[in-house]
Protein backbone atom coordinates (compact mmCIF):
# COMPACT_ATOMS: atom_id res chain seq x y z
CA UNK A 1 138.05 45.24 118.81
CA UNK A 2 138.63 48.77 117.56
CA UNK A 3 136.85 50.24 114.56
CA UNK A 4 140.07 50.30 112.53
CA UNK A 5 140.70 46.61 113.26
CA UNK A 6 137.12 45.72 112.30
CA UNK A 7 137.45 47.55 108.97
CA UNK A 8 140.77 45.84 108.25
CA UNK A 9 139.32 42.43 109.10
CA UNK A 10 136.25 42.88 106.89
CA UNK A 11 136.47 40.93 103.64
CA UNK A 12 137.27 43.09 100.59
CA UNK A 13 134.62 43.13 97.89
CA UNK A 14 135.30 41.02 94.83
CA UNK A 15 136.34 42.90 91.68
CA UNK A 16 133.25 43.95 89.80
CA UNK A 17 130.84 43.04 92.61
CA UNK A 18 129.91 46.70 93.08
CA UNK A 19 129.18 47.27 89.40
CA UNK A 20 125.69 48.25 88.50
CA UNK A 21 123.72 46.24 85.96
CA UNK A 22 123.94 49.05 83.40
CA UNK A 23 127.75 49.06 83.73
CA UNK A 24 127.90 45.30 83.15
CA UNK A 25 125.66 45.61 80.10
CA UNK A 26 127.81 48.44 78.73
CA UNK A 27 131.01 46.43 79.24
CA UNK A 28 129.50 43.37 77.54
CA UNK A 29 128.31 45.53 74.64
CA UNK A 30 131.80 47.05 74.24
CA UNK A 31 133.37 43.59 74.25
CA UNK A 32 130.86 42.35 71.68
CA UNK A 33 131.55 45.29 69.36
CA UNK A 34 135.31 44.82 69.69
CA UNK A 35 135.11 41.12 68.91
CA UNK A 36 132.75 41.78 65.99
CA UNK A 37 135.13 44.37 64.54
CA UNK A 38 138.07 41.96 64.86
CA UNK A 39 136.06 39.15 63.25
CA UNK A 40 135.02 41.34 60.31
CA UNK A 41 138.60 42.51 59.77
CA UNK A 42 139.98 38.97 59.86
CA UNK A 43 137.20 37.75 57.54
CA UNK A 44 137.94 40.44 54.95
CA UNK A 45 141.68 39.81 55.02
CA UNK A 46 141.36 36.02 54.91
CA UNK A 47 138.78 36.13 52.10
CA UNK A 48 140.89 38.28 49.83
CA UNK A 49 144.04 36.36 50.68
CA UNK A 50 142.37 33.08 49.73
CA UNK A 51 140.73 34.46 46.59
CA UNK A 52 143.81 36.41 45.57
CA UNK A 53 146.35 33.63 46.00
CA UNK A 54 143.99 31.32 44.09
CA UNK A 55 144.14 33.53 41.00
CA UNK A 56 147.61 35.04 41.38
CA UNK A 57 150.24 33.83 38.94
CA UNK A 58 153.94 34.82 39.01
CA UNK A 59 153.66 36.02 35.41
CA UNK A 60 151.18 38.70 36.50
CA UNK A 61 153.91 40.45 38.46
CA UNK A 62 156.16 40.90 35.43
CA UNK A 63 153.71 41.57 32.57
CA UNK A 64 151.79 44.73 31.77
CA UNK A 65 148.02 44.92 31.28
CA UNK A 66 146.83 44.74 27.69
CA UNK A 67 143.62 44.46 25.75
CA UNK A 68 142.20 41.01 25.17
CA UNK A 69 139.04 38.97 24.80
CA UNK A 70 139.47 36.93 27.99
CA UNK A 71 141.40 37.15 31.24
CA UNK A 72 144.21 34.89 30.03
CA UNK A 73 145.01 37.37 27.22
CA UNK A 74 144.99 40.59 29.27
CA UNK A 75 148.43 40.26 30.89
CA UNK A 76 149.29 41.08 34.48
CA UNK A 77 149.69 44.20 36.58
CA UNK A 78 153.38 45.09 36.54
CA UNK A 79 152.68 48.68 35.44
CA UNK A 80 150.11 49.30 38.22
CA UNK A 81 152.53 47.82 40.75
CA UNK A 82 155.34 50.06 39.49
CA UNK A 83 152.99 53.06 39.47
CA UNK A 84 152.05 52.40 43.09
CA UNK A 85 155.73 52.29 44.05
CA UNK A 86 156.44 55.55 42.21
CA UNK A 87 153.49 57.30 43.85
CA UNK A 88 154.50 56.09 47.32
CA UNK A 89 158.12 57.18 46.87
CA UNK A 90 157.30 60.61 45.45
CA UNK A 91 154.54 61.30 47.98
CA UNK A 92 156.67 60.38 50.98
CA UNK A 93 159.58 62.39 49.57
CA UNK A 94 157.30 65.39 50.10
CA UNK A 95 155.35 64.33 53.20
CA UNK A 96 158.19 62.93 55.35
CA UNK A 97 160.55 65.93 55.56
CA UNK A 98 157.61 68.35 55.66
CA UNK A 99 155.92 66.37 58.41
CA UNK A 100 159.09 66.09 60.48
CA UNK A 101 159.68 69.82 60.19
CA UNK A 102 156.12 70.67 61.23
CA UNK A 103 156.25 68.21 64.14
CA UNK A 104 159.55 69.64 65.41
CA UNK A 105 158.22 73.19 65.18
CA UNK A 106 154.97 72.37 66.99
CA UNK A 107 156.66 70.28 69.69
CA UNK A 108 159.85 72.21 70.37
CA UNK A 109 159.02 75.80 69.44
CA UNK A 110 155.31 76.48 68.97
CA UNK A 111 155.88 80.17 68.22
CA UNK A 112 154.16 82.29 67.14
CA UNK A 113 151.39 80.73 69.17
CA UNK A 114 148.52 81.73 66.87
CA UNK A 115 150.25 80.32 63.79
CA UNK A 116 151.01 77.06 65.63
CA UNK A 117 147.34 76.65 66.54
CA UNK A 118 146.34 77.29 62.93
CA UNK A 119 148.84 74.65 61.80
CA UNK A 120 147.42 72.13 64.27
CA UNK A 121 143.89 72.80 63.04
CA UNK A 122 145.03 72.46 59.43
CA UNK A 123 146.67 69.09 60.11
CA UNK A 124 143.49 67.86 61.80
CA UNK A 125 141.41 69.09 58.86
CA UNK A 126 143.66 67.27 56.38
CA UNK A 127 143.34 64.06 58.40
CA UNK A 128 139.56 64.14 57.96
CA UNK A 129 139.29 65.70 54.52
CA UNK A 130 137.73 63.45 51.83
CA UNK A 131 140.31 62.47 49.24
CA UNK A 132 137.90 63.30 46.41
CA UNK A 133 137.96 66.94 47.55
CA UNK A 134 141.77 66.95 47.51
CA UNK A 135 141.66 65.37 44.05
CA UNK A 136 139.38 68.05 42.62
CA UNK A 137 141.48 70.80 44.20
CA UNK A 138 144.64 69.26 42.76
CA UNK A 139 143.10 69.03 39.30
CA UNK A 140 142.21 72.72 39.35
CA UNK A 141 145.65 73.58 40.72
CA UNK A 142 147.72 71.63 38.18
CA UNK A 143 145.64 72.79 35.22
CA UNK A 144 146.84 76.36 35.77
CA UNK A 145 149.54 77.70 33.45
CA UNK A 146 151.86 78.21 36.43
CA UNK A 147 152.08 74.46 37.10
CA UNK A 148 151.40 73.33 33.56
CA UNK A 149 155.00 72.18 33.07
CA UNK A 150 154.35 69.34 35.55
CA UNK A 151 151.82 67.65 33.27
CA UNK A 152 151.35 67.04 29.58
CA UNK A 153 149.80 69.56 27.24
CA UNK A 154 147.76 69.07 24.07
CA UNK A 155 147.58 71.95 21.58
CA UNK A 156 148.54 74.36 24.33
CA UNK A 157 145.89 73.04 26.77
CA UNK A 158 147.26 71.80 30.11
CA UNK A 159 145.75 68.40 30.90
CA UNK A 160 146.57 68.35 34.63
CA UNK A 161 146.82 64.63 35.54
CA UNK A 162 150.35 63.36 36.09
CA UNK A 163 152.49 61.53 38.62
CA UNK A 164 153.62 64.91 39.97
CA UNK A 165 150.05 66.08 40.54
CA UNK A 166 148.90 62.81 42.12
CA UNK A 167 151.95 62.61 44.38
CA UNK A 168 151.55 66.20 45.56
CA UNK A 169 147.95 65.59 46.66
CA UNK A 170 148.70 62.13 48.09
CA UNK A 171 151.42 63.69 50.23
CA UNK A 172 148.66 65.66 51.95
CA UNK A 173 146.98 62.35 52.76
CA UNK A 174 150.07 60.96 54.47
CA UNK A 175 151.21 64.23 56.08
CA UNK A 176 148.91 64.13 59.17
CA UNK A 177 150.10 60.62 60.08
CA UNK A 178 153.74 61.69 59.90
CA UNK A 179 153.17 64.85 61.94
CA UNK A 180 151.12 63.09 64.63
CA UNK A 181 153.54 60.20 65.18
CA UNK A 182 156.73 62.28 65.12
CA UNK A 183 155.20 64.82 67.48
CA UNK A 184 154.15 62.09 69.92
CA UNK A 185 157.67 60.68 69.82
CA UNK A 186 159.24 64.07 70.57
CA UNK A 187 156.81 64.81 73.40
CA UNK A 188 157.55 61.42 74.99
CA UNK A 189 161.25 62.28 75.41
CA UNK A 190 161.88 63.41 79.04
CA UNK A 191 162.76 67.05 79.54
CA UNK A 192 165.99 66.19 81.37
CA UNK A 193 167.39 64.87 78.06
CA UNK A 194 167.05 68.33 76.58
CA UNK A 195 168.48 69.96 79.71
CA UNK A 196 171.50 67.66 79.64
CA UNK A 197 172.18 68.59 76.03
CA UNK A 198 171.88 72.30 76.79
CA UNK A 199 174.21 71.85 79.76
CA UNK A 200 177.07 70.65 77.55
CA UNK A 201 176.68 73.66 75.27
CA UNK A 202 174.43 72.31 72.51
CA UNK A 203 172.04 74.74 70.88
CA UNK A 204 168.34 74.01 70.49
CA UNK A 205 168.76 73.20 66.82
CA UNK A 206 171.72 70.90 67.50
CA UNK A 207 169.80 69.20 70.32
CA UNK A 208 166.86 68.59 68.03
CA UNK A 209 169.00 67.28 65.20
CA UNK A 210 171.50 65.17 67.18
CA UNK A 211 169.52 64.05 70.22
CA UNK A 212 165.75 64.34 69.87
CA UNK A 213 165.20 63.15 66.30
CA UNK A 214 167.46 60.08 66.69
CA UNK A 215 165.56 59.20 69.88
CA UNK A 216 162.24 59.59 68.05
CA UNK A 217 163.37 57.51 65.05
CA UNK A 218 160.91 54.64 65.77
CA UNK A 219 158.04 57.14 65.66
CA UNK A 220 159.39 58.58 62.41
CA UNK A 221 159.40 55.07 60.92
CA UNK A 222 155.88 54.45 62.22
CA UNK A 223 154.55 57.67 60.73
CA UNK A 224 156.25 56.99 57.40
CA UNK A 225 154.92 53.43 57.13
CA UNK A 226 151.39 54.44 58.12
CA UNK A 227 151.56 57.26 55.60
CA UNK A 228 152.65 54.90 52.84
CA UNK A 229 149.83 52.50 53.70
CA UNK A 230 147.32 55.33 53.52
CA UNK A 231 148.76 56.60 50.24
CA UNK A 232 148.85 53.32 48.34
CA UNK A 233 145.25 52.57 49.37
CA UNK A 234 143.77 55.79 48.00
CA UNK A 235 141.61 55.56 44.88
CA UNK A 236 139.94 58.92 44.22
CA UNK A 237 143.16 60.91 43.83
CA UNK A 238 144.69 58.21 41.64
CA UNK A 239 141.71 58.04 39.28
CA UNK A 240 141.39 61.81 38.89
CA UNK A 241 145.01 63.02 39.04
CA UNK A 242 146.90 60.03 37.61
CA UNK A 243 144.42 58.99 34.97
CA UNK A 244 142.94 55.59 34.26
CA UNK A 245 145.21 53.99 31.69
CA UNK A 246 146.31 50.39 31.23
CA UNK A 247 150.00 51.32 31.35
CA UNK A 248 152.00 54.54 31.38
CA UNK A 249 151.32 57.16 28.75
CA UNK A 250 153.95 57.43 25.99
CA UNK A 251 156.74 59.76 27.06
CA UNK A 252 160.45 60.27 26.68
CA UNK A 253 162.73 59.79 29.66
CA UNK A 254 161.95 59.39 33.33
CA UNK A 255 160.86 63.00 33.80
CA UNK A 256 158.58 62.67 30.81
CA UNK A 257 157.07 59.58 32.40
CA UNK A 258 156.36 61.47 35.62
CA UNK A 259 154.67 64.26 33.68
CA UNK A 260 152.30 61.83 32.00
CA UNK A 261 149.34 59.75 33.08
CA UNK A 262 149.66 56.27 34.51
CA UNK A 263 148.08 53.57 36.60
CA UNK A 264 148.22 52.12 40.12
CA UNK A 265 146.98 49.03 41.92
CA UNK A 266 143.88 50.76 43.28
CA UNK A 267 142.74 51.97 39.85
CA UNK A 268 143.54 48.54 38.39
CA UNK A 269 141.37 46.86 41.03
CA UNK A 270 138.60 49.41 40.42
CA UNK A 271 138.57 48.77 36.67
CA UNK A 272 138.69 44.97 36.97
CA UNK A 273 136.14 44.63 39.77
CA UNK A 274 132.85 42.88 38.87
CA UNK A 275 131.19 46.30 38.64
CA UNK A 276 134.09 47.88 36.71
CA UNK A 277 134.44 48.53 33.00
CA UNK A 278 136.77 45.59 32.34
CA UNK A 279 134.89 43.14 34.62
CA UNK A 280 137.81 40.75 35.23
CA UNK A 281 137.36 39.77 38.89
CA UNK A 282 140.21 37.27 38.87
CA UNK A 283 142.68 40.05 38.10
CA UNK A 284 141.05 42.29 40.72
CA UNK A 285 141.35 39.60 43.41
CA UNK A 286 144.98 38.93 42.52
CA UNK A 287 145.88 42.64 42.63
CA UNK A 288 143.95 43.07 45.89
CA UNK A 289 145.95 40.19 47.36
CA UNK A 290 149.22 41.91 46.47
CA UNK A 291 148.00 45.21 47.90
CA UNK A 292 146.88 43.58 51.17
CA UNK A 293 150.24 41.82 51.51
CA UNK A 294 152.04 45.14 51.08
CA UNK A 295 149.82 46.78 53.73
CA UNK A 296 150.36 43.87 56.14
CA UNK A 297 154.12 44.14 55.70
CA UNK A 298 153.94 47.87 56.42
CA UNK A 299 151.91 47.15 59.57
CA UNK A 300 154.56 44.62 60.62
CA UNK A 301 157.23 47.30 60.28
CA UNK A 302 155.08 49.64 62.38
CA UNK A 303 154.69 46.99 65.09
CA UNK A 304 158.43 46.30 65.19
CA UNK A 305 159.17 50.03 65.39
CA UNK A 306 156.65 50.39 68.22
CA UNK A 307 158.24 47.55 70.19
CA UNK A 308 161.66 49.11 69.77
CA UNK A 309 160.33 52.45 70.98
CA UNK A 310 158.83 50.81 74.07
CA UNK A 311 162.08 49.02 74.86
CA UNK A 312 164.02 52.27 74.54
CA UNK A 313 161.64 54.05 76.93
CA UNK A 314 161.86 51.34 79.56
CA UNK A 315 165.63 50.86 79.28
């Protein structure tokens, strides 16, 4: 029997039989941490879903908060729900086109090189920046006379907090998610797609607009939904730049409303938590239930968009 035949006839080692004890311990530890993280996440979601649906009443979704002596007299949270929707729409109206433009520039052009690297570093810094820092910066920025027309004034003094101010800073929270996902989608498109478009006479701009961005649409949807989920869950920017009112501040017209202070679900939950000023936990649990449902629906949209993107890549 030759040496080659003997090697071929030798039984192959079982998977994992050559692992050292330290490797097995590390793998078991990683599995344990992963399962613990999943269990904690499920426990948090299930707890708030159970508590929230126990206290949620349909009337809470259509009535505004108001002062009262007990929880049955303090209304619902229609105004915070509407404020959350306004903030999400205004923030993504800024973050989505800006993020798509930055992602296209970084992925398809990247020139000048030094400026592109600075932009990448800035996006990474925004992704890790504490929202309280962005809130303080926004307050200083929108209290200046130059941007004073975007918020209310009292006796010539610019107050600063408004829907415009909060949305501008919240757009910086969602911007990194949009840029990252759209850029990944563009980079995943094979180079021969671009070459085929150039071969039929399309310019780089036309190729990007008519070929690349439609192909990366699932990633655009994913980035937008993740950005919205991050925006509606922020608390520091809302409390500092939107104010902490029960409803919207008195104003005339829609633009006047956006220039004034308001409320959102996160600030409503903060105020009604057991440690908050209002101390109405039933209302906090109900609002938290609604917020979690919204986030879960956004995650469902992200999952569906991801499946569509995978099918398009394999087709």
